[in-house]
């Protein structure tokens, strides 16, 4: 998930450098969404993964 966010961020940066504003904006938006999903899943797995069965 984090890898996809970084890939879309790099696509956005490259597209912005070459002047493709629409593609850059969309890629940056997708990267933000994926990063937020990653943070939520990371926090949930950290909180619930530390449970002890004893």
PDB file of N, CA and C in Angstrom:
ATOM      1  N   UNK A   1       0.836  -1.185   0.000  1.00  0.00           N
ATOM      2  CA  UNK A   1       0.000   0.000   0.000  1.00  0.00           C
ATOM      3  C   UNK A   1       0.880   1.249   0.000  1.00  0.00           C
ATOM      4  N   UNK A   2       1.864   1.242   0.867  1.00  0.00           N
ATOM      5  CA  UNK A   2       2.761   2.395   0.924  1.00  0.00           C
ATOM      6  C   UNK A   2       3.561   2.518  -0.373  1.00  0.00           C
ATOM      7  N   UNK A   3       3.920   1.384  -0.938  1.00  0.00           N
ATOM      8  CA  UNK A   3       4.679   1.397  -2.191  1.00  0.00           C
ATOM      9  C   UNK A   3       3.851   2.025  -3.313  1.00  0.00           C
ATOM     10  N   UNK A   4       2.558   1.706  -3.365  1.00  0.00           N
ATOM     11  CA  UNK A   4       1.686   2.309  -4.373  1.00  0.00           C
ATOM     12  C   UNK A   4       1.557   3.812  -4.174  1.00  0.00           C
ATOM     13  N   UNK A   5       1.484   4.240  -2.926  1.00  0.00           N
ATOM     14  CA  UNK A   5       1.399   5.674  -2.650  1.00  0.00           C
ATOM     15  C   UNK A   5       2.648   6.390  -3.145  1.00  0.00           C
ATOM     16  N   UNK A   6       3.794   5.790  -2.926  1.00  0.00           N
ATOM     17  CA  UNK A   6       5.052   6.394  -3.388  1.00  0.00           C
ATOM     18  C   UNK A   6       5.116   6.398  -4.917  1.00  0.00           C
ATOM     19  N   UNK A   7       4.651   5.327  -5.544  1.00  0.00           N
ATOM     20  CA  UNK A   7       4.648   5.267  -7.011  1.00  0.00           C
ATOM     21  C   UNK A   7       3.768   6.371  -7.584  1.00  0.00           C
ATOM     22  N   UNK A   8       2.559   6.542  -7.035  1.00  0.00           N
ATOM     23  CA  UNK A   8       1.680   7.585  -7.535  1.00  0.00           C
ATOM     24  C   UNK A   8       2.243   8.977  -7.243  1.00  0.00           C
ATOM     25  N   UNK A   9       2.936   9.137  -6.131  1.00  0.00           N
ATOM     26  CA  UNK A   9       3.573  10.421  -5.845  1.00  0.00           C
ATOM     27  C   UNK A   9       4.662  10.729  -6.869  1.00  0.00           C
ATOM     28  N   UNK A  10       5.451   9.733  -7.223  1.00  0.00           N
ATOM     29  CA  UNK A  10       6.494   9.935  -8.236  1.00  0.00           C
ATOM     30  C   UNK A  10       5.893  10.230  -9.603  1.00  0.00           C
ATOM     31  N   UNK A  11       4.790   9.560  -9.938  1.00  0.00           N
ATOM     32  CA  UNK A  11       4.104   9.847 -11.200  1.00  0.00           C
ATOM     33  C   UNK A  11       3.613  11.293 -11.205  1.00  0.00           C
ATOM     34  N   UNK A  12       3.075  11.730 -10.069  1.00  0.00           N
ATOM     35  CA  UNK A  12       2.583  13.107  -9.971  1.00  0.00           C
ATOM     36  C   UNK A  12       3.713  14.115 -10.142  1.00  0.00           C
ATOM     37  N   UNK A  13       4.837  13.843  -9.537  1.00  0.00           N
ATOM     38  CA  UNK A  13       5.976  14.770  -9.643  1.00  0.00           C
ATOM     39  C   UNK A  13       6.491  14.837 -11.075  1.00  0.00           C
ATOM     40  N   UNK A  14       6.640  13.688 -11.712  1.00  0.00           N
ATOM     41  CA  UNK A  14       7.132  13.656 -13.088  1.00  0.00           C
ATOM     42  C   UNK A  14       6.128  14.344 -14.021  1.00  0.00           C
ATOM     43  N   UNK A  15       4.842  14.078 -13.821  1.00  0.00           N
ATOM     44  CA  UNK A  15       3.824  14.707 -14.664  1.00  0.00           C
ATOM     45  C   UNK A  15       3.802  16.221 -14.458  1.00  0.00           C
ATOM     46  N   UNK A  16       4.005  16.670 -13.233  1.00  0.00           N
ATOM     47  CA  UNK A  16       4.030  18.113 -12.966  1.00  0.00           C
ATOM     48  C   UNK A  16       5.236  18.780 -13.621  1.00  0.00           C
ATOM     49  N   UNK A  17       6.366  18.089 -13.614  1.00  0.00           N
ATOM     50  CA  UNK A  17       7.567  18.643 -14.244  1.00  0.00           C
ATOM     51  C   UNK A  17       7.354  18.821 -15.745  1.00  0.00           C
ATOM     52  N   UNK A  18       6.661  17.859 -16.364  1.00  0.00           N
ATOM     53  CA  UNK A  18       6.435  17.938 -17.803  1.00  0.00           C
ATOM     54  C   UNK A  18       5.186  18.735 -18.170  1.00  0.00           C
ATOM     55  N   UNK A  19       4.482  19.263 -17.176  1.00  0.00           N
ATOM     56  CA  UNK A  19       3.373  20.160 -17.453  1.00  0.00           C
ATOM     57  C   UNK A  19       2.013  19.511 -17.615  1.00  0.00           C
ATOM     58  N   UNK A  20       1.881  18.268 -17.220  1.00  0.00           N
ATOM     59  CA  UNK A  20       0.582  17.586 -17.301  1.00  0.00           C
ATOM     60  C   UNK A  20      -0.148  17.768 -15.979  1.00  0.00           C
ATOM     61  N   UNK A  21      -0.853  18.885 -15.851  1.00  0.00           N
ATOM     62  CA  UNK A  21      -1.486  19.255 -14.591  1.00  0.00           C
ATOM     63  C   UNK A  21      -2.596  18.311 -14.156  1.00  0.00           C
ATOM     64  N   UNK A  22      -3.408  17.856 -15.102  1.00  0.00           N
ATOM     65  CA  UNK A  22      -4.513  16.965 -14.762  1.00  0.00           C
ATOM     66  C   UNK A  22      -4.034  15.626 -14.237  1.00  0.00           C
ATOM     67  N   UNK A  23      -3.057  15.068 -14.914  1.00  0.00           N
ATOM     68  CA  UNK A  23      -2.506  13.782 -14.489  1.00  0.00           C
ATOM     69  C   UNK A  23      -1.780  13.942 -13.163  1.00  0.00           C
ATOM     70  N   UNK A  24      -1.072  15.038 -12.996  1.00  0.00           N
ATOM     71  CA  UNK A  24      -0.341  15.279 -11.751  1.00  0.00           C
ATOM     72  C   UNK A  24      -1.309  15.414 -10.580  1.00  0.00           C
ATOM     73  N   UNK A  25      -2.386  16.150 -10.773  1.00  0.00           N
ATOM     74  CA  UNK A  25      -3.360  16.334  -9.701  1.00  0.00           C
ATOM     75  C   UNK A  25      -4.047  15.041  -9.322  1.00  0.00           C
ATOM     76  N   UNK A  26      -4.423  14.268 -10.322  1.00  0.00           N
ATOM     77  CA  UNK A  26      -5.093  12.989 -10.053  1.00  0.00           C
ATOM     78  C   UNK A  26      -4.148  12.021  -9.356  1.00  0.00           C
ATOM     79  N   UNK A  27      -2.918  11.943  -9.804  1.00  0.00           N
ATOM     80  CA  UNK A  27      -1.948  11.037  -9.181  1.00  0.00           C
ATOM     81  C   UNK A  27      -1.645  11.459  -7.750  1.00  0.00           C
ATOM     82  N   UNK A  28      -1.546  12.751  -7.512  1.00  0.00           N
ATOM     83  CA  UNK A  28      -1.299  13.230  -6.152  1.00  0.00           C
ATOM     84  C   UNK A  28      -2.490  12.912  -5.248  1.00  0.00           C
ATOM     85  N   UNK A  29      -3.708  13.048  -5.776  1.00  0.00           N
ATOM     86  CA  UNK A  29      -4.913  12.735  -4.992  1.00  0.00           C
ATOM     87  C   UNK A  29      -4.951  11.247  -4.638  1.00  0.00           C
ATOM     88  N   UNK A  30      -4.632  10.386  -5.598  1.00  0.00           N
ATOM     89  CA  UNK A  30      -4.609   8.941  -5.344  1.00  0.00           C
ATOM     90  C   UNK A  30      -3.524   8.619  -4.322  1.00  0.00           C
ATOM     91  N   UNK A  31      -2.373   9.255  -4.426  1.00  0.00           N
ATOM     92  CA  UNK A  31      -1.291   9.011  -3.472  1.00  0.00           C
ATOM     93  C   UNK A  31      -1.716   9.414  -2.060  1.00  0.00           C
ATOM     94  N   UNK A  32      -2.420  10.537  -1.919  1.00  0.00           N
ATOM     95  CA  UNK A  32      -2.898  10.958  -0.597  1.00  0.00           C
ATOM     96  C   UNK A  32      -3.880   9.961  -0.022  1.00  0.00           C
ATOM     97  N   UNK A  33      -4.821   9.503  -0.836  1.00  0.00           N
ATOM     98  CA  UNK A  33      -5.819   8.542  -0.373  1.00  0.00           C
ATOM     99  C   UNK A  33      -5.141   7.241   0.060  1.00  0.00           C
ATOM    100  N   UNK A  34      -4.228   6.741  -0.740  1.00  0.00           N
ATOM    101  CA  UNK A  34      -3.534   5.499  -0.392  1.00  0.00           C
ATOM    102  C   UNK A  34      -2.705   5.656   0.873  1.00  0.00           C
ATOM    103  N   UNK A  35      -2.093   6.813   1.065  1.00  0.00           N
ATOM    104  CA  UNK A  35      -1.296   7.033   2.259  1.00  0.00           C
ATOM    105  C   UNK A  35      -2.171   7.079   3.507  1.00  0.00           C
ATOM    106  N   UNK A  36      -3.340   7.703   3.403  1.00  0.00           N
ATOM    107  CA  UNK A  36      -4.263   7.744   4.548  1.00  0.00           C
ATOM    108  C   UNK A  36      -4.761   6.344   4.872  1.00  0.00           C
ATOM    109  N   UNK A  37      -5.100   5.563   3.851  1.00  0.00           N
ATOM    110  CA  UNK A  37      -5.536   4.182   4.079  1.00  0.00           C
ATOM    111  C   UNK A  37      -4.415   3.381   4.734  1.00  0.00           C
ATOM    112  N   UNK A  38      -3.186   3.587   4.274  1.00  0.00           N
ATOM    113  CA  UNK A  38      -2.041   2.905   4.879  1.00  0.00           C
ATOM    114  C   UNK A  38      -1.903   3.274   6.351  1.00  0.00           C
ATOM    115  N   UNK A  39      -2.028   4.560   6.671  1.00  0.00           N
ATOM    116  CA  UNK A  39      -1.899   4.982   8.070  1.00  0.00           C
ATOM    117  C   UNK A  39      -2.988   4.377   8.945  1.00  0.00           C
ATOM    118  N   UNK A  40      -4.211   4.344   8.449  1.00  0.00           N
ATOM    119  CA  UNK A  40      -5.310   3.760   9.222  1.00  0.00           C
ATOM    120  C   UNK A  40      -5.078   2.275   9.449  1.00  0.00           C
ATOM    121  N   UNK A  41      -4.721   1.547   8.397  1.00  0.00           N
ATOM    122  CA  UNK A  41      -4.474   0.112   8.546  1.00  0.00           C
ATOM    123  C   UNK A  41      -3.267  -0.163   9.439  1.00  0.00           C
ATOM    124  N   UNK A  42      -2.248   0.661   9.351  1.00  0.00           N
ATOM    125  CA  UNK A  42      -1.083   0.499  10.209  1.00  0.00           C
ATOM    126  C   UNK A  42      -1.450   0.697  11.680  1.00  0.00           C
ATOM    127  N   UNK A  43      -2.230   1.742  11.961  1.00  0.00           N
ATOM    128  CA  UNK A  43      -2.634   2.000  13.336  1.00  0.00           C
ATOM    129  C   UNK A  43      -3.507   0.876  13.871  1.00  0.00           C
ATOM    130  N   UNK A  44      -4.428   0.385  13.063  1.00  0.00           N
ATOM    131  CA  UNK A  44      -5.292  -0.712  13.501  1.00  0.00           C
ATOM    132  C   UNK A  44      -4.501  -1.988  13.753  1.00  0.00           C
ATOM    133  N   UNK A  45      -3.578  -2.309  12.862  1.00  0.00           N
ATOM    134  CA  UNK A  45      -2.785  -3.519  13.058  1.00  0.00           C
ATOM    135  C   UNK A  45      -1.845  -3.380  14.251  1.00  0.00           C
ATOM    136  N   UNK A  46      -1.370  -2.164  14.518  1.00  0.00           N
ATOM    137  CA  UNK A  46      -0.518  -1.948  15.676  1.00  0.00           C
ATOM    138  C   UNK A  46      -1.302  -2.114  16.968  1.00  0.00           C
ATOM    139  N   UNK A  47      -2.512  -1.571  16.998  1.00  0.00           N
ATOM    140  CA  UNK A  47      -3.324  -1.643  18.208  1.00  0.00           C
ATOM    141  C   UNK A  47      -3.860  -3.042  18.470  1.00  0.00           C
ATOM    142  N   UNK A  48      -4.401  -3.670  17.460  1.00  0.00           N
ATOM    143  CA  UNK A  48      -5.034  -4.979  17.645  1.00  0.00           C
ATOM    144  C   UNK A  48      -4.064  -6.135  17.489  1.00  0.00           C
ATOM    145  N   UNK A  49      -2.941  -5.916  16.909  1.00  0.00           N
ATOM    146  CA  UNK A  49      -1.952  -6.978  16.739  1.00  0.00           C
ATOM    147  C   UNK A  49      -1.142  -7.215  18.008  1.00  0.00           C
ATOM    148  N   UNK A  50      -1.195  -6.327  18.965  1.00  0.00           N
ATOM    149  CA  UNK A  50      -0.416  -6.444  20.198  1.00  0.00           C
ATOM    150  C   UNK A  50      -1.192  -7.174  21.288  1.00  0.00           C
ATOM    151  N   UNK A  51      -2.377  -7.665  20.986  1.00  0.00           N
ATOM    152  CA  UNK A  51      -3.186  -8.343  21.990  1.00  0.00           C
ATOM    153  C   UNK A  51      -2.549  -9.659  22.399  1.00  0.00           C
ATOM    154  N   UNK A  52      -2.699  -9.968  23.655  1.00  0.00           N
ATOM    155  CA  UNK A  52      -2.217 -11.235  24.183  1.00  0.00           C
ATOM    156  C   UNK A  52      -3.425 -12.142  24.443  1.00  0.00           C
ATOM    157  N   UNK A  53      -3.291 -13.398  24.175  1.00  0.00           N
ATOM    158  CA  UNK A  53      -4.394 -14.330  24.366  1.00  0.00           C
ATOM    159  C   UNK A  53      -4.466 -14.832  25.807  1.00  0.00           C
ATOM    160  N   UNK A  54      -3.510 -14.491  26.621  1.00  0.00           N
ATOM    161  CA  UNK A  54      -3.487 -14.955  28.016  1.00  0.00           C
ATOM    162  C   UNK A  54      -4.326 -14.050  28.884  1.00  0.00           C
TER     163      UNK A  54
END
